[in-house]
N, C-alpha and C. Protein backbone atom coordinates (compact mmCIF):
# COMPACT_ATOMS: atom_id res chain seq x y z
N UNK A 1 106.34 -53.43 -193.42
CA UNK A 1 104.95 -53.16 -193.78
C UNK A 1 104.27 -54.47 -194.19
N UNK A 2 103.10 -54.77 -193.62
CA UNK A 2 102.41 -56.01 -193.96
C UNK A 2 101.95 -56.03 -195.42
N UNK A 3 101.91 -57.23 -195.97
CA UNK A 3 101.39 -57.39 -197.33
C UNK A 3 99.88 -57.25 -197.30
N UNK A 4 99.33 -56.89 -198.45
CA UNK A 4 97.89 -56.70 -198.59
C UNK A 4 97.36 -57.64 -199.66
N UNK A 5 96.06 -57.93 -199.56
CA UNK A 5 95.46 -58.84 -200.54
C UNK A 5 94.01 -58.47 -200.81
N UNK A 6 93.58 -58.80 -202.00
CA UNK A 6 92.17 -58.80 -202.36
C UNK A 6 91.77 -60.26 -202.34
N UNK A 7 90.71 -60.58 -201.61
CA UNK A 7 90.24 -61.96 -201.51
C UNK A 7 89.18 -62.20 -202.57
N UNK A 8 89.30 -63.31 -203.30
CA UNK A 8 88.37 -63.60 -204.37
C UNK A 8 87.82 -65.01 -204.20
N UNK A 9 86.52 -65.10 -204.04
CA UNK A 9 85.83 -66.39 -203.93
C UNK A 9 84.86 -66.51 -205.10
N UNK A 10 84.83 -67.69 -205.69
CA UNK A 10 83.91 -67.94 -206.81
C UNK A 10 83.40 -69.36 -206.71
N UNK A 11 82.11 -69.50 -206.93
CA UNK A 11 81.50 -70.82 -206.92
C UNK A 11 80.22 -70.78 -207.73
N UNK A 12 79.79 -71.92 -208.17
CA UNK A 12 78.50 -71.97 -208.85
C UNK A 12 77.37 -72.13 -207.82
N UNK A 13 77.75 -72.33 -206.53
CA UNK A 13 76.76 -72.44 -205.45
C UNK A 13 77.03 -71.38 -204.38
N UNK A 14 76.02 -70.62 -204.07
CA UNK A 14 76.16 -69.53 -203.11
C UNK A 14 76.62 -70.01 -201.73
N UNK A 15 76.18 -71.18 -201.30
CA UNK A 15 76.55 -71.66 -199.96
C UNK A 15 78.04 -71.98 -199.84
N UNK A 16 78.73 -72.22 -200.94
CA UNK A 16 80.18 -72.45 -200.89
C UNK A 16 80.96 -71.16 -200.70
N UNK A 17 80.38 -70.04 -201.04
CA UNK A 17 81.10 -68.77 -200.96
C UNK A 17 81.48 -68.41 -199.53
N UNK A 18 80.57 -68.57 -198.59
CA UNK A 18 80.84 -68.20 -197.20
C UNK A 18 82.01 -69.03 -196.65
N UNK A 19 82.03 -70.31 -196.97
CA UNK A 19 83.13 -71.17 -196.51
C UNK A 19 84.46 -70.73 -197.12
N UNK A 20 84.45 -70.44 -198.42
CA UNK A 20 85.67 -69.98 -199.08
C UNK A 20 86.17 -68.69 -198.44
N UNK A 21 85.27 -67.77 -198.18
CA UNK A 21 85.67 -66.48 -197.59
C UNK A 21 86.29 -66.70 -196.21
N UNK A 22 85.69 -67.55 -195.39
CA UNK A 22 86.26 -67.85 -194.07
C UNK A 22 87.68 -68.42 -194.21
N UNK A 23 87.86 -69.32 -195.16
CA UNK A 23 89.18 -69.92 -195.37
C UNK A 23 90.20 -68.87 -195.81
N UNK A 24 89.78 -67.97 -196.69
CA UNK A 24 90.69 -66.92 -197.14
C UNK A 24 91.05 -65.97 -196.00
N UNK A 25 90.06 -65.61 -195.19
CA UNK A 25 90.31 -64.73 -194.04
C UNK A 25 91.23 -65.41 -193.03
N UNK A 26 91.01 -66.70 -192.80
CA UNK A 26 91.89 -67.45 -191.89
C UNK A 26 93.32 -67.47 -192.40
N UNK A 27 93.48 -67.66 -193.70
CA UNK A 27 94.82 -67.66 -194.30
C UNK A 27 95.50 -66.32 -194.07
N UNK A 28 94.76 -65.24 -194.28
CA UNK A 28 95.33 -63.90 -194.05
C UNK A 28 95.76 -63.74 -192.60
N UNK A 29 94.94 -64.18 -191.67
CA UNK A 29 95.29 -64.09 -190.25
C UNK A 29 96.59 -64.86 -189.96
N UNK A 30 96.69 -66.07 -190.48
CA UNK A 30 97.90 -66.88 -190.23
C UNK A 30 99.14 -66.28 -190.89
N UNK A 31 98.96 -65.69 -192.06
CA UNK A 31 100.10 -65.18 -192.84
C UNK A 31 100.43 -63.73 -192.50
N UNK A 32 99.61 -63.07 -191.71
CA UNK A 32 99.86 -61.67 -191.40
C UNK A 32 99.60 -60.74 -192.57
N UNK A 33 98.67 -61.12 -193.42
CA UNK A 33 98.30 -60.33 -194.61
C UNK A 33 97.02 -59.57 -194.30
N UNK A 34 96.97 -58.32 -194.73
CA UNK A 34 95.78 -57.48 -194.52
C UNK A 34 94.86 -57.61 -195.73
N UNK A 35 93.63 -58.02 -195.48
CA UNK A 35 92.62 -58.12 -196.55
C UNK A 35 92.04 -56.74 -196.80
N UNK A 36 92.21 -56.23 -197.99
CA UNK A 36 91.69 -54.92 -198.35
C UNK A 36 90.24 -54.97 -198.82
N UNK A 37 89.90 -56.05 -199.49
CA UNK A 37 88.56 -56.19 -200.07
C UNK A 37 88.27 -57.67 -200.26
N UNK A 38 87.02 -58.03 -200.15
CA UNK A 38 86.58 -59.39 -200.44
C UNK A 38 85.55 -59.33 -201.55
N UNK A 39 85.80 -60.10 -202.59
CA UNK A 39 84.88 -60.17 -203.73
C UNK A 39 84.43 -61.61 -203.85
N UNK A 40 83.13 -61.81 -203.84
CA UNK A 40 82.56 -63.15 -203.99
C UNK A 40 81.53 -63.11 -205.09
N UNK A 41 81.57 -64.11 -205.95
CA UNK A 41 80.58 -64.15 -207.02
C UNK A 41 80.16 -65.57 -207.34
N UNK A 42 78.89 -65.68 -207.67
CA UNK A 42 78.37 -66.94 -208.18
C UNK A 42 78.57 -66.87 -209.68
N UNK A 43 79.35 -67.80 -210.19
CA UNK A 43 79.67 -67.76 -211.62
C UNK A 43 79.71 -69.17 -212.17
N UNK A 44 79.10 -69.34 -213.30
CA UNK A 44 79.14 -70.60 -214.02
C UNK A 44 80.10 -70.46 -215.18
N UNK A 45 80.62 -71.55 -215.62
CA UNK A 45 81.52 -71.52 -216.77
C UNK A 45 82.94 -71.78 -216.36
N UNK A 46 83.75 -72.13 -217.34
CA UNK A 46 85.12 -72.50 -217.02
C UNK A 46 86.11 -71.36 -217.18
N UNK A 47 85.73 -70.31 -217.86
CA UNK A 47 86.66 -69.21 -218.10
C UNK A 47 86.62 -68.21 -216.96
N UNK A 48 87.71 -67.49 -216.80
CA UNK A 48 87.78 -66.45 -215.76
C UNK A 48 86.71 -65.40 -216.03
N UNK A 49 86.06 -64.98 -214.97
CA UNK A 49 85.03 -63.96 -215.12
C UNK A 49 85.67 -62.60 -215.38
N UNK A 50 84.88 -61.67 -215.88
CA UNK A 50 85.37 -60.31 -216.08
C UNK A 50 85.84 -59.71 -214.76
N UNK A 51 85.09 -59.98 -213.69
CA UNK A 51 85.44 -59.43 -212.37
C UNK A 51 86.81 -59.95 -211.93
N UNK A 52 87.07 -61.24 -212.13
CA UNK A 52 88.36 -61.81 -211.77
C UNK A 52 89.48 -61.15 -212.58
N UNK A 53 89.28 -60.98 -213.86
CA UNK A 53 90.29 -60.34 -214.71
C UNK A 53 90.55 -58.91 -214.26
N UNK A 54 89.49 -58.18 -213.86
CA UNK A 54 89.66 -56.80 -213.36
C UNK A 54 90.44 -56.80 -212.05
N UNK A 55 90.16 -57.76 -211.17
CA UNK A 55 90.90 -57.83 -209.90
C UNK A 55 92.38 -58.12 -210.15
N UNK A 56 92.67 -59.03 -211.07
CA UNK A 56 94.07 -59.31 -211.41
C UNK A 56 94.76 -58.05 -211.94
N UNK A 57 94.07 -57.30 -212.78
CA UNK A 57 94.65 -56.06 -213.30
C UNK A 57 94.86 -55.04 -212.18
N UNK A 58 93.92 -54.96 -211.24
CA UNK A 58 94.07 -54.05 -210.10
C UNK A 58 95.30 -54.40 -209.28
N UNK A 59 95.49 -55.68 -209.02
CA UNK A 59 96.65 -56.12 -208.25
C UNK A 59 97.93 -55.82 -209.02
N UNK A 60 97.93 -56.09 -210.31
CA UNK A 60 99.10 -55.80 -211.13
C UNK A 60 99.43 -54.31 -211.13
N UNK A 61 98.41 -53.47 -210.99
CA UNK A 61 98.61 -52.02 -210.97
C UNK A 61 99.06 -51.52 -209.59
N UNK A 62 99.14 -52.42 -208.61
CA UNK A 62 99.64 -52.03 -207.30
C UNK A 62 98.59 -51.73 -206.26
N UNK A 63 97.33 -51.98 -206.55
CA UNK A 63 96.26 -51.72 -205.58
C UNK A 63 96.39 -52.60 -204.35
N UNK A 64 96.93 -53.80 -204.52
CA UNK A 64 97.20 -54.74 -203.43
C UNK A 64 98.41 -55.56 -203.86
N UNK A 65 99.00 -56.25 -202.90
CA UNK A 65 100.16 -57.09 -203.21
C UNK A 65 99.76 -58.41 -203.85
N UNK A 66 98.59 -58.94 -203.45
CA UNK A 66 98.18 -60.28 -203.86
C UNK A 66 96.71 -60.36 -204.20
N UNK A 67 96.38 -61.28 -205.07
CA UNK A 67 95.00 -61.74 -205.22
C UNK A 67 95.00 -63.12 -204.58
N UNK A 68 94.20 -63.29 -203.54
CA UNK A 68 94.14 -64.55 -202.81
C UNK A 68 92.91 -65.33 -203.21
N UNK A 69 93.13 -66.57 -203.63
CA UNK A 69 92.05 -67.48 -204.00
C UNK A 69 92.24 -68.79 -203.27
N UNK A 70 91.17 -69.57 -203.16
CA UNK A 70 91.26 -70.85 -202.46
C UNK A 70 92.09 -71.86 -203.24
N UNK A 71 91.87 -71.96 -204.53
CA UNK A 71 92.68 -72.83 -205.38
C UNK A 71 92.65 -72.27 -206.79
N UNK A 72 93.52 -72.77 -207.64
CA UNK A 72 93.67 -72.17 -208.97
C UNK A 72 92.41 -72.26 -209.82
N UNK A 73 91.54 -73.22 -209.53
CA UNK A 73 90.32 -73.33 -210.33
C UNK A 73 89.39 -72.13 -210.14
N UNK A 74 89.60 -71.35 -209.09
CA UNK A 74 88.80 -70.13 -208.91
C UNK A 74 89.18 -69.08 -209.95
N UNK A 75 90.40 -69.13 -210.45
CA UNK A 75 90.84 -68.19 -211.47
C UNK A 75 90.25 -68.54 -212.83
N UNK A 76 90.33 -69.80 -213.17
CA UNK A 76 89.79 -70.30 -214.43
C UNK A 76 89.91 -71.81 -214.43
N UNK A 77 88.96 -72.46 -215.07
CA UNK A 77 89.06 -73.91 -215.24
C UNK A 77 89.47 -74.27 -216.66
N UNK A 78 89.67 -73.26 -217.48
CA UNK A 78 90.14 -73.47 -218.85
C UNK A 78 91.67 -73.58 -218.78
N UNK A 79 92.24 -74.74 -219.13
CA UNK A 79 93.69 -74.93 -218.97
C UNK A 79 94.55 -73.88 -219.68
N UNK A 80 94.17 -73.50 -220.88
CA UNK A 80 94.97 -72.51 -221.61
C UNK A 80 94.90 -71.14 -220.95
N UNK A 81 93.70 -70.74 -220.53
CA UNK A 81 93.57 -69.45 -219.88
C UNK A 81 94.27 -69.46 -218.52
N UNK A 82 94.14 -70.55 -217.78
CA UNK A 82 94.79 -70.65 -216.48
C UNK A 82 96.31 -70.54 -216.62
N UNK A 83 96.86 -71.21 -217.61
CA UNK A 83 98.30 -71.13 -217.85
C UNK A 83 98.71 -69.68 -218.14
N UNK A 84 97.92 -68.98 -218.93
CA UNK A 84 98.22 -67.59 -219.26
C UNK A 84 98.15 -66.71 -218.00
N UNK A 85 97.11 -66.90 -217.19
CA UNK A 85 96.96 -66.10 -215.97
C UNK A 85 98.13 -66.34 -215.03
N UNK A 86 98.48 -67.59 -214.81
CA UNK A 86 99.57 -67.90 -213.89
C UNK A 86 100.89 -67.36 -214.42
N UNK A 87 101.09 -67.49 -215.71
CA UNK A 87 102.32 -66.97 -216.30
C UNK A 87 102.43 -65.45 -216.13
N UNK A 88 101.34 -64.77 -216.34
CA UNK A 88 101.35 -63.30 -216.29
C UNK A 88 101.37 -62.77 -214.86
N UNK A 89 100.66 -63.43 -213.93
CA UNK A 89 100.49 -62.89 -212.59
C UNK A 89 101.11 -63.76 -211.50
N UNK A 90 102.01 -64.63 -211.84
CA UNK A 90 102.55 -65.64 -210.93
C UNK A 90 102.98 -65.09 -209.57
N UNK A 91 103.55 -63.92 -209.51
CA UNK A 91 104.05 -63.36 -208.25
C UNK A 91 103.00 -62.54 -207.51
N UNK A 92 101.80 -62.48 -208.07
CA UNK A 92 100.75 -61.66 -207.46
C UNK A 92 99.51 -62.49 -207.11
N UNK A 93 99.64 -63.80 -207.17
CA UNK A 93 98.55 -64.70 -206.82
C UNK A 93 98.98 -65.55 -205.63
N UNK A 94 98.11 -65.67 -204.65
CA UNK A 94 98.35 -66.57 -203.52
C UNK A 94 97.20 -67.56 -203.47
N UNK A 95 97.53 -68.80 -203.15
CA UNK A 95 96.55 -69.87 -203.08
C UNK A 95 96.44 -70.30 -201.61
N UNK A 96 95.24 -70.27 -201.05
CA UNK A 96 95.09 -70.61 -199.64
C UNK A 96 94.98 -72.10 -199.39
N UNK A 97 94.60 -72.87 -200.38
CA UNK A 97 94.38 -74.30 -200.21
C UNK A 97 95.70 -74.98 -199.90
N UNK A 98 95.71 -75.77 -198.85
CA UNK A 98 96.89 -76.53 -198.46
C UNK A 98 96.54 -78.00 -198.56
N UNK A 99 96.88 -78.63 -199.66
CA UNK A 99 96.47 -80.02 -199.88
C UNK A 99 97.25 -81.01 -199.02
N UNK A 100 98.22 -80.53 -198.27
CA UNK A 100 98.91 -81.42 -197.34
C UNK A 100 98.03 -81.68 -196.12
N UNK A 101 97.04 -80.83 -195.89
CA UNK A 101 96.16 -80.95 -194.73
C UNK A 101 94.70 -80.83 -195.16
N UNK A 102 94.23 -81.71 -196.07
CA UNK A 102 92.88 -81.55 -196.59
C UNK A 102 91.79 -81.70 -195.52
N UNK A 103 92.09 -82.36 -194.43
CA UNK A 103 91.06 -82.54 -193.41
C UNK A 103 90.71 -81.22 -192.73
N UNK A 104 91.59 -80.24 -192.80
CA UNK A 104 91.32 -78.92 -192.22
C UNK A 104 90.21 -78.21 -192.97
N UNK A 105 90.04 -78.53 -194.23
CA UNK A 105 89.08 -77.79 -195.06
C UNK A 105 87.80 -78.57 -195.12
């Protein structure tokens, strides 16, 4: 059975969201993961948004196998909060950014 994911894009600029979503969808295609839902939000601030925290809880409850983000900064830019999120949800988060091939992005 294929894995499933909720795609989450966040940026302080709306024009970055479409690019992030395309990258997340491309990652799903390459990995054979089925995208169940795409959530995109314009959000300012360094802490994880309420919507992001709800999506993480949904994934933890089994609604999808993964929460897919472009890079960890989409989850939170607050180092303490990011450490907590990764510690709690480490096996349920996928990162699409491949820094070995930055020219692709």
